[in-house]
Amino acid sequence: MAAWYLVETRYCPILRQEVGLFEQRIYPRSDHISDMAYRVIARCCSHDLLCNADDHIHCRWAYTNPAWDPFEEA
């Protein structure tokens, strides 16, 4: 089963506000291997649709520029 989980809240330098960073996780069935961890299959930002609607905002979390992550630690 796959579900979205809030990983953290960060300040977005592009939008100049707090945003949520989410991961879509898939967990193994409990009747198979119980000690196996979840797997991340997607990541997104709580404002990804807003950024996708703006032609000037491009980042990894909005799926518009996989090469740039504004939340990556320098």
PDB file of N, CA and C in Angstrom:
ATOM      1  N   MET A   1       0.833  -1.183   0.000  1.00  0.00           N
ATOM      2  CA  MET A   1       0.000   0.000   0.000  1.00  0.00           C
ATOM      3  C   MET A   1       0.876   1.243   0.000  1.00  0.00           C
ATOM      4  N   ALA A   2       0.533   2.213  -0.804  1.00  0.00           N
ATOM      5  CA  ALA A   2       1.284   3.469  -0.882  1.00  0.00           C
ATOM      6  C   ALA A   2       0.489   4.576  -0.208  1.00  0.00           C
ATOM      7  N   ALA A   3       1.214   5.468   0.486  1.00  0.00           N
ATOM      8  CA  ALA A   3       0.563   6.600   1.156  1.00  0.00           C
ATOM      9  C   ALA A   3       1.549   7.773   1.217  1.00  0.00           C
ATOM     10  N   TRP A   4       1.005   8.989   1.278  1.00  0.00           N
ATOM     11  CA  TRP A   4       1.820  10.196   1.385  1.00  0.00           C
ATOM     12  C   TRP A   4       2.057  10.529   2.857  1.00  0.00           C
ATOM     13  N   TYR A   5       3.299  10.910   3.184  1.00  0.00           N
ATOM     14  CA  TYR A   5       3.682  11.271   4.547  1.00  0.00           C
ATOM     15  C   TYR A   5       4.413  12.604   4.547  1.00  0.00           C
ATOM     16  N   LEU A   6       4.049  13.465   5.479  1.00  0.00           N
ATOM     17  CA  LEU A   6       4.763  14.728   5.659  1.00  0.00           C
ATOM     18  C   LEU A   6       6.107  14.416   6.300  1.00  0.00           C
ATOM     19  N   VAL A   7       7.194  14.772   5.623  1.00  0.00           N
ATOM     20  CA  VAL A   7       8.534  14.491   6.117  1.00  0.00           C
ATOM     21  C   VAL A   7       9.040  15.646   6.967  1.00  0.00           C
ATOM     22  N   GLU A   8       8.850  16.863   6.473  1.00  0.00           N
ATOM     23  CA  GLU A   8       9.266  18.043   7.220  1.00  0.00           C
ATOM     24  C   GLU A   8       8.630  19.291   6.632  1.00  0.00           C
ATOM     25  N   THR A   9       8.688  20.342   7.407  1.00  0.00           N
ATOM     26  CA  THR A   9       8.234  21.657   6.969  1.00  0.00           C
ATOM     27  C   THR A   9       9.468  22.528   6.851  1.00  0.00           C
ATOM     28  N   ARG A  10       9.587  23.213   5.716  1.00  0.00           N
ATOM     29  CA  ARG A  10      10.765  24.056   5.473  1.00  0.00           C
ATOM     30  C   ARG A  10      10.324  25.393   4.906  1.00  0.00           C
ATOM     31  N   TYR A  11      11.218  26.378   5.017  1.00  0.00           N
ATOM     32  CA  TYR A  11      10.996  27.683   4.407  1.00  0.00           C
ATOM     33  C   TYR A  11      11.425  27.597   2.950  1.00  0.00           C
ATOM     34  N   CYS A  12      10.536  27.979   2.041  1.00  0.00           N
ATOM     35  CA  CYS A  12      10.851  27.969   0.613  1.00  0.00           C
ATOM     36  C   CYS A  12      11.385  29.340   0.217  1.00  0.00           C
ATOM     37  N   PRO A  13      12.623  29.404  -0.294  1.00  0.00           N
ATOM     38  CA  PRO A  13      13.184  30.690  -0.707  1.00  0.00           C
ATOM     39  C   PRO A  13      12.522  31.262  -1.961  1.00  0.00           C
ATOM     40  N   ILE A  14      11.846  30.425  -2.714  1.00  0.00           N
ATOM     41  CA  ILE A  14      11.176  30.896  -3.922  1.00  0.00           C
ATOM     42  C   ILE A  14       9.841  31.551  -3.568  1.00  0.00           C
ATOM     43  N   LEU A  15       9.033  30.845  -2.784  1.00  0.00           N
ATOM     44  CA  LEU A  15       7.710  31.352  -2.412  1.00  0.00           C
ATOM     45  C   LEU A  15       7.740  32.251  -1.184  1.00  0.00           C
ATOM     46  N   ARG A  16       8.846  32.226  -0.467  1.00  0.00           N
ATOM     47  CA  ARG A  16       9.021  33.015   0.769  1.00  0.00           C
ATOM     48  C   ARG A  16       7.957  32.677   1.807  1.00  0.00           C
ATOM     49  N   GLN A  17       7.739  31.387   1.998  1.00  0.00           N
ATOM     50  CA  GLN A  17       6.807  30.912   3.022  1.00  0.00           C
ATOM     51  C   GLN A  17       7.120  29.460   3.374  1.00  0.00           C
ATOM     52  N   GLU A  18       6.522  28.981   4.452  1.00  0.00           N
ATOM     53  CA  GLU A  18       6.698  27.603   4.875  1.00  0.00           C
ATOM     54  C   GLU A  18       5.921  26.677   3.936  1.00  0.00           C
ATOM     55  N   VAL A  19       6.544  25.556   3.586  1.00  0.00           N
ATOM     56  CA  VAL A  19       5.903  24.538   2.757  1.00  0.00           C
ATOM     57  C   VAL A  19       6.153  23.172   3.383  1.00  0.00           C
ATOM     58  N   GLY A  20       5.320  22.231   3.057  1.00  0.00           N
ATOM     59  CA  GLY A  20       5.501  20.863   3.528  1.00  0.00           C
ATOM     60  C   GLY A  20       6.161  20.027   2.448  1.00  0.00           C
ATOM     61  N   LEU A  21       7.110  19.185   2.850  1.00  0.00           N
ATOM     62  CA  LEU A  21       7.771  18.265   1.931  1.00  0.00           C
ATOM     63  C   LEU A  21       7.244  16.864   2.231  1.00  0.00           C
ATOM     64  N   PHE A  22       6.717  16.212   1.209  1.00  0.00           N
ATOM     65  CA  PHE A  22       6.059  14.917   1.367  1.00  0.00           C
ATOM     66  C   PHE A  22       6.799  13.818   0.619  1.00  0.00           C
ATOM     67  N   GLU A  23       6.676  12.598   1.122  1.00  0.00           N
ATOM     68  CA  GLU A  23       7.166  11.404   0.441  1.00  0.00           C
ATOM     69  C   GLU A  23       6.000  10.456   0.270  1.00  0.00           C
ATOM     70  N   GLN A  24       5.947   9.829  -0.891  1.00  0.00           N
ATOM     71  CA  GLN A  24       4.981   8.755  -1.075  1.00  0.00           C
ATOM     72  C   GLN A  24       5.737   7.464  -0.805  1.00  0.00           C
ATOM     73  N   ARG A  25       5.304   6.751   0.210  1.00  0.00           N
ATOM     74  CA  ARG A  25       5.989   5.541   0.651  1.00  0.00           C
ATOM     75  C   ARG A  25       5.136   4.317   0.372  1.00  0.00           C
ATOM     76  N   ILE A  26       5.831   3.255   0.032  1.00  0.00           N
ATOM     77  CA  ILE A  26       5.159   1.977  -0.160  1.00  0.00           C
ATOM     78  C   ILE A  26       5.768   0.999   0.844  1.00  0.00           C
ATOM     79  N   TYR A  27       4.901   0.323   1.555  1.00  0.00           N
ATOM     80  CA  TYR A  27       5.322  -0.628   2.577  1.00  0.00           C
ATOM     81  C   TYR A  27       5.079  -2.048   2.076  1.00  0.00           C
ATOM     82  N   PRO A  28       5.944  -2.982   2.437  1.00  0.00           N
ATOM     83  CA  PRO A  28       5.710  -4.370   2.039  1.00  0.00           C
ATOM     84  C   PRO A  28       4.502  -4.940   2.778  1.00  0.00           C
ATOM     85  N   ARG A  29       3.904  -5.909   2.197  1.00  0.00           N
ATOM     86  CA  ARG A  29       2.793  -6.571   2.876  1.00  0.00           C
ATOM     87  C   ARG A  29       3.304  -7.249   4.131  1.00  0.00           C
ATOM     88  N   SER A  30       2.557  -7.149   5.185  1.00  0.00           N
ATOM     89  CA  SER A  30       2.998  -7.679   6.478  1.00  0.00           C
ATOM     90  C   SER A  30       3.146  -9.193   6.489  1.00  0.00           C
ATOM     91  N   ASP A  31       2.465  -9.878   5.593  1.00  0.00           N
ATOM     92  CA  ASP A  31       2.569 -11.340   5.587  1.00  0.00           C
ATOM     93  C   ASP A  31       3.784 -11.835   4.800  1.00  0.00           C
ATOM     94  N   HIS A  32       4.541 -10.889   4.213  1.00  0.00           N
ATOM     95  CA  HIS A  32       5.764 -11.279   3.508  1.00  0.00           C
ATOM     96  C   HIS A  32       6.971 -11.095   4.427  1.00  0.00           C
ATOM     97  N   ILE A  33       7.676 -10.013   4.277  1.00  0.00           N
ATOM     98  CA  ILE A  33       8.880  -9.776   5.076  1.00  0.00           C
ATOM     99  C   ILE A  33       8.596  -8.640   6.038  1.00  0.00           C
ATOM    100  N   SER A  34       8.507  -8.922   7.313  1.00  0.00           N
ATOM    101  CA  SER A  34       8.099  -7.914   8.290  1.00  0.00           C
ATOM    102  C   SER A  34       9.211  -6.937   8.654  1.00  0.00           C
ATOM    103  N   ASP A  35      10.478  -7.313   8.483  1.00  0.00           N
ATOM    104  CA  ASP A  35      11.569  -6.414   8.863  1.00  0.00           C
ATOM    105  C   ASP A  35      12.030  -5.523   7.713  1.00  0.00           C
ATOM    106  N   MET A  36      11.351  -5.589   6.588  1.00  0.00           N
ATOM    107  CA  MET A  36      11.729  -4.777   5.434  1.00  0.00           C
ATOM    108  C   MET A  36      11.168  -3.364   5.590  1.00  0.00           C
ATOM    109  N   ALA A  37      11.987  -2.364   5.325  1.00  0.00           N
ATOM    110  CA  ALA A  37      11.581  -0.960   5.469  1.00  0.00           C
ATOM    111  C   ALA A  37      10.730  -0.519   4.274  1.00  0.00           C
ATOM    112  N   TYR A  38      10.142   0.644   4.423  1.00  0.00           N
ATOM    113  CA  TYR A  38       9.360   1.210   3.323  1.00  0.00           C
ATOM    114  C   TYR A  38      10.292   1.669   2.204  1.00  0.00           C
ATOM    115  N   ARG A  39       9.702   1.915   1.047  1.00  0.00           N
ATOM    116  CA  ARG A  39      10.448   2.426  -0.101  1.00  0.00           C
ATOM    117  C   ARG A  39       9.780   3.720  -0.551  1.00  0.00           C
ATOM    118  N   VAL A  40      10.571   4.753  -0.810  1.00  0.00           N
ATOM    119  CA  VAL A  40      10.045   6.032  -1.286  1.00  0.00           C
ATOM    120  C   VAL A  40       9.904   5.937  -2.797  1.00  0.00           C
ATOM    121  N   ILE A  41       8.686   6.207  -3.279  1.00  0.00           N
ATOM    122  CA  ILE A  41       8.457   6.118  -4.722  1.00  0.00           C
ATOM    123  C   ILE A  41       8.225   7.484  -5.363  1.00  0.00           C
ATOM    124  N   ALA A  42       7.991   8.524  -4.548  1.00  0.00           N
ATOM    125  CA  ALA A  42       7.812   9.882  -5.085  1.00  0.00           C
ATOM    126  C   ALA A  42       7.986  10.894  -3.958  1.00  0.00           C
ATOM    127  N   ARG A  43       8.326  12.113  -4.336  1.00  0.00           N
ATOM    128  CA  ARG A  43       8.440  13.225  -3.389  1.00  0.00           C
ATOM    129  C   ARG A  43       7.769  14.439  -4.014  1.00  0.00           C
ATOM    130  N   CYS A  44       7.181  15.275  -3.171  1.00  0.00           N
ATOM    131  CA  CYS A  44       6.567  16.503  -3.678  1.00  0.00           C
ATOM    132  C   CYS A  44       6.500  17.548  -2.573  1.00  0.00           C
ATOM    133  N   CYS A  45       6.184  18.737  -2.960  1.00  0.00           N
ATOM    134  CA  CYS A  45       6.021  19.870  -2.054  1.00  0.00           C
ATOM    135  C   CYS A  45       4.528  20.174  -1.938  1.00  0.00           C
ATOM    136  N   SER A  46       4.122  20.744  -0.824  1.00  0.00           N
ATOM    137  CA  SER A  46       2.710  21.082  -0.640  1.00  0.00           C
ATOM    138  C   SER A  46       2.235  22.166  -1.605  1.00  0.00           C
ATOM    139  N   HIS A  47       3.160  22.883  -2.220  1.00  0.00           N
ATOM    140  CA  HIS A  47       2.805  23.946  -3.161  1.00  0.00           C
ATOM    141  C   HIS A  47       3.219  23.603  -4.598  1.00  0.00           C
ATOM    142  N   ASP A  48       3.388  22.334  -4.901  1.00  0.00           N
ATOM    143  CA  ASP A  48       3.871  21.943  -6.228  1.00  0.00           C
ATOM    144  C   ASP A  48       2.939  22.371  -7.355  1.00  0.00           C
ATOM    145  N   LEU A  49       1.635  22.318  -7.146  1.00  0.00           N
ATOM    146  CA  LEU A  49       0.705  22.737  -8.202  1.00  0.00           C
ATOM    147  C   LEU A  49       0.784  24.237  -8.461  1.00  0.00           C
ATOM    148  N   LEU A  50       0.960  25.003  -7.400  1.00  0.00           N
ATOM    149  CA  LEU A  50       1.128  26.449  -7.538  1.00  0.00           C
ATOM    150  C   LEU A  50       2.377  26.765  -8.359  1.00  0.00           C
ATOM    151  N   CYS A  51       3.463  26.082  -8.054  1.00  0.00           N
ATOM    152  CA  CYS A  51       4.714  26.313  -8.783  1.00  0.00           C
ATOM    153  C   CYS A  51       4.620  25.825 -10.228  1.00  0.00           C
ATOM    154  N   ASN A  52       3.918  24.729 -10.448  1.00  0.00           N
ATOM    155  CA  ASN A  52       3.741  24.234 -11.814  1.00  0.00           C
ATOM    156  C   ASN A  52       2.913  25.194 -12.659  1.00  0.00           C
ATOM    157  N   ALA A  53       2.004  25.923 -12.031  1.00  0.00           N
ATOM    158  CA  ALA A  53       1.167  26.880 -12.753  1.00  0.00           C
ATOM    159  C   ALA A  53       1.941  28.138 -13.136  1.00  0.00           C
ATOM    160  N   ASP A  54       3.051  28.396 -12.443  1.00  0.00           N
ATOM    161  CA  ASP A  54       3.882  29.570 -12.712  1.00  0.00           C
ATOM    162  C   ASP A  54       5.052  29.147 -13.600  1.00  0.00           C
ATOM    163  N   ASP A  55       5.146  29.712 -14.773  1.00  0.00           N
ATOM    164  CA  ASP A  55       6.201  29.333 -15.717  1.00  0.00           C
ATOM    165  C   ASP A  55       7.594  29.748 -15.272  1.00  0.00           C
ATOM    166  N   HIS A  56       7.715  30.539 -14.223  1.00  0.00           N
ATOM    167  CA  HIS A  56       9.018  31.037 -13.791  1.00  0.00           C
ATOM    168  C   HIS A  56       9.599  30.270 -12.607  1.00  0.00           C
ATOM    169  N   ILE A  57       8.813  29.392 -12.008  1.00  0.00           N
ATOM    170  CA  ILE A  57       9.270  28.640 -10.841  1.00  0.00           C
ATOM    171  C   ILE A  57       9.562  27.207 -11.259  1.00  0.00           C
ATOM    172  N   HIS A  58      10.809  26.797 -11.104  1.00  0.00           N
ATOM    173  CA  HIS A  58      11.211  25.457 -11.512  1.00  0.00           C
ATOM    174  C   HIS A  58      12.096  24.836 -10.437  1.00  0.00           C
ATOM    175  N   CYS A  59      11.650  23.716  -9.859  1.00  0.00           N
ATOM    176  CA  CYS A  59      12.482  23.007  -8.888  1.00  0.00           C
ATOM    177  C   CYS A  59      12.131  21.523  -8.878  1.00  0.00           C
ATOM    178  N   ARG A  60      12.975  20.758  -8.230  1.00  0.00           N
ATOM    179  CA  ARG A  60      12.813  19.309  -8.153  1.00  0.00           C
ATOM    180  C   ARG A  60      11.498  18.912  -7.496  1.00  0.00           C
ATOM    181  N   TRP A  61      11.092  19.624  -6.471  1.00  0.00           N
ATOM    182  CA  TRP A  61       9.912  19.249  -5.691  1.00  0.00           C
ATOM    183  C   TRP A  61       8.609  19.527  -6.436  1.00  0.00           C
ATOM    184  N   ALA A  62       8.663  20.349  -7.475  1.00  0.00           N
ATOM    185  CA  ALA A  62       7.490  20.619  -8.306  1.00  0.00           C
ATOM    186  C   ALA A  62       7.558  19.844  -9.623  1.00  0.00           C
ATOM    187  N   TYR A  63       8.559  18.984  -9.758  1.00  0.00           N
ATOM    188  CA  TYR A  63       8.757  18.150 -10.953  1.00  0.00           C
ATOM    189  C   TYR A  63       9.026  18.958 -12.219  1.00  0.00           C
ATOM    190  N   THR A  64       9.518  20.193 -12.070  1.00  0.00           N
ATOM    191  CA  THR A  64       9.785  21.015 -13.247  1.00  0.00           C
ATOM    192  C   THR A  64      11.267  21.197 -13.529  1.00  0.00           C
ATOM    193  N   ASN A  65      12.135  20.895 -12.569  1.00  0.00           N
ATOM    194  CA  ASN A  65      13.580  20.978 -12.780  1.00  0.00           C
ATOM    195  C   ASN A  65      14.269  19.994 -11.838  1.00  0.00           C
ATOM    196  N   PRO A  66      14.499  18.769 -12.283  1.00  0.00           N
ATOM    197  CA  PRO A  66      15.102  17.772 -11.412  1.00  0.00           C
ATOM    198  C   PRO A  66      16.539  18.081 -10.990  1.00  0.00           C
ATOM    199  N   ALA A  67      17.154  19.035 -11.645  1.00  0.00           N
ATOM    200  CA  ALA A  67      18.552  19.370 -11.327  1.00  0.00           C
ATOM    201  C   ALA A  67      18.696  20.364 -10.172  1.00  0.00           C
ATOM    202  N   TRP A  68      17.584  21.000  -9.725  1.00  0.00           N
ATOM    203  CA  TRP A  68      17.711  22.013  -8.681  1.00  0.00           C
ATOM    204  C   TRP A  68      16.773  21.730  -7.513  1.00  0.00           C
ATOM    205  N   ASP A  69      17.351  21.669  -6.320  1.00  0.00           N
ATOM    206  CA  ASP A  69      16.590  21.456  -5.092  1.00  0.00           C
ATOM    207  C   ASP A  69      16.813  22.657  -4.179  1.00  0.00           C
ATOM    208  N   PRO A  70      15.815  23.556  -4.023  1.00  0.00           N
ATOM    209  CA  PRO A  70      16.004  24.730  -3.205  1.00  0.00           C
ATOM    210  C   PRO A  70      16.162  24.429  -1.705  1.00  0.00           C
ATOM    211  N   PHE A  71      15.876  23.192  -1.304  1.00  0.00           N
ATOM    212  CA  PHE A  71      15.977  22.823   0.112  1.00  0.00           C
ATOM    213  C   PHE A  71      17.262  22.059   0.426  1.00  0.00           C
ATOM    214  N   GLU A  72      18.050  21.790  -0.595  1.00  0.00           N
ATOM    215  CA  GLU A  72      19.292  21.042  -0.404  1.00  0.00           C
ATOM    216  C   GLU A  72      20.272  21.867   0.418  1.00  0.00           C
ATOM    217  N   GLU A  73      20.857  21.223   1.403  1.00  0.00           N
ATOM    218  CA  GLU A  73      21.834  21.901   2.249  1.00  0.00           C
ATOM    219  C   GLU A  73      23.109  22.165   1.451  1.00  0.00           C
ATOM    220  N   ALA A  74      23.623  23.365   1.581  1.00  0.00           N
ATOM    221  CA  ALA A  74      24.852  23.739   0.844  1.00  0.00           C
ATOM    222  C   ALA A  74      26.082  23.222   1.551  1.00  0.00           C
TER     223      ALA A  74
END
